[in-house]
Amino acid sequence: MIDTMKLKGIISERGLSQRKVAKSMGMTEKTFYGKMKKGVFDSDEMQQMIDLLKIENPMEIFFANVGA
């Protein structure tokens, strides 16, 4: 499961909004917010965010044991 709180933090640290990330990824805000709420992105979307947000430790975010 994705650690959406960490992902939101990185989006903010990079001076972006979820709206801008969604647009950069070619998806609607509604789709992006829905994926964030569920904590589910496919591997291509994860890679897009890693590249866009320059995420150094993607395992911490995309393969987190949230609530475990």
Protein backbone atom coordinates (compact mmCIF):
# COMPACT_ATOMS: atom_id res chain seq x y z
CA MET A 1 0.00 0.00 0.00
CA ILE A 2 1.16 3.50 -0.78
CA ASP A 3 2.00 5.88 2.05
CA THR A 4 -0.12 8.75 0.76
CA MET A 5 0.89 11.07 3.61
CA LYS A 6 4.56 10.82 2.60
CA LEU A 7 3.62 11.25 -1.05
CA LYS A 8 1.57 14.36 -0.25
CA GLY A 9 4.53 15.70 1.74
CA ILE A 10 6.90 15.23 -1.19
CA ILE A 11 4.44 16.87 -3.58
CA SER A 12 4.30 19.86 -1.23
CA GLU A 13 8.09 19.94 -0.72
CA ARG A 14 8.54 20.16 -4.48
CA GLY A 15 6.25 23.19 -4.58
CA LEU A 16 3.54 21.34 -6.50
CA SER A 17 -0.10 20.58 -5.91
CA GLN A 18 -1.90 17.31 -6.46
CA ARG A 19 -3.73 19.10 -9.29
CA LYS A 20 -0.43 19.89 -11.05
CA VAL A 21 0.88 16.36 -10.56
CA ALA A 22 -2.33 14.92 -12.00
CA LYS A 23 -2.10 17.21 -15.03
CA SER A 24 1.57 16.35 -15.56
CA MET A 25 0.66 12.68 -15.51
CA GLY A 26 -2.13 13.17 -18.05
CA MET A 27 -5.00 12.26 -15.74
CA THR A 28 -7.92 14.18 -14.35
CA GLU A 29 -7.84 15.53 -10.82
CA LYS A 30 -10.76 13.27 -9.94
CA THR A 31 -8.85 10.19 -11.09
CA PHE A 32 -5.71 11.25 -9.23
CA TYR A 33 -7.58 12.03 -6.00
CA GLY A 34 -9.40 8.71 -6.22
CA LYS A 35 -6.11 6.85 -6.61
CA MET A 36 -4.64 8.78 -3.69
CA LYS A 37 -7.65 7.96 -1.53
CA LYS A 38 -7.37 4.24 -2.33
CA GLY A 39 -3.57 4.31 -2.20
CA VAL A 40 -3.37 2.51 -5.53
CA PHE A 41 -1.33 3.49 -8.59
CA ASP A 42 -0.08 1.22 -11.34
CA SER A 43 3.64 0.74 -11.95
CA ASP A 44 3.78 3.21 -14.85
CA GLU A 45 2.09 5.90 -12.73
CA MET A 46 4.49 5.22 -9.87
CA GLN A 47 7.44 5.61 -12.24
CA GLN A 48 6.02 8.89 -13.56
CA MET A 49 5.78 10.25 -10.01
CA ILE A 50 9.28 9.02 -9.12
CA ASP A 51 10.65 10.89 -12.14
CA LEU A 52 8.46 13.99 -11.79
CA LEU A 53 8.98 14.40 -8.05
CA LYS A 54 12.59 13.14 -8.05
CA ILE A 55 11.78 10.63 -5.31
CA GLU A 56 15.02 9.19 -3.93
CA ASN A 57 13.56 6.34 -1.85
CA PRO A 58 10.45 5.14 -3.71
CA MET A 59 10.24 1.91 -1.69
CA GLU A 60 9.37 3.95 1.44
CA ILE A 61 6.37 5.45 -0.31
CA PHE A 62 5.09 2.97 -2.86
CA PHE A 63 5.66 -0.22 -0.90
CA ALA A 64 5.02 0.98 2.63
CA ASN A 65 3.40 -1.15 5.30
CA VAL A 66 1.01 1.60 6.32
CA GLY A 67 -0.78 0.73 9.53
CA ALA A 68 1.12 -2.53 9.93
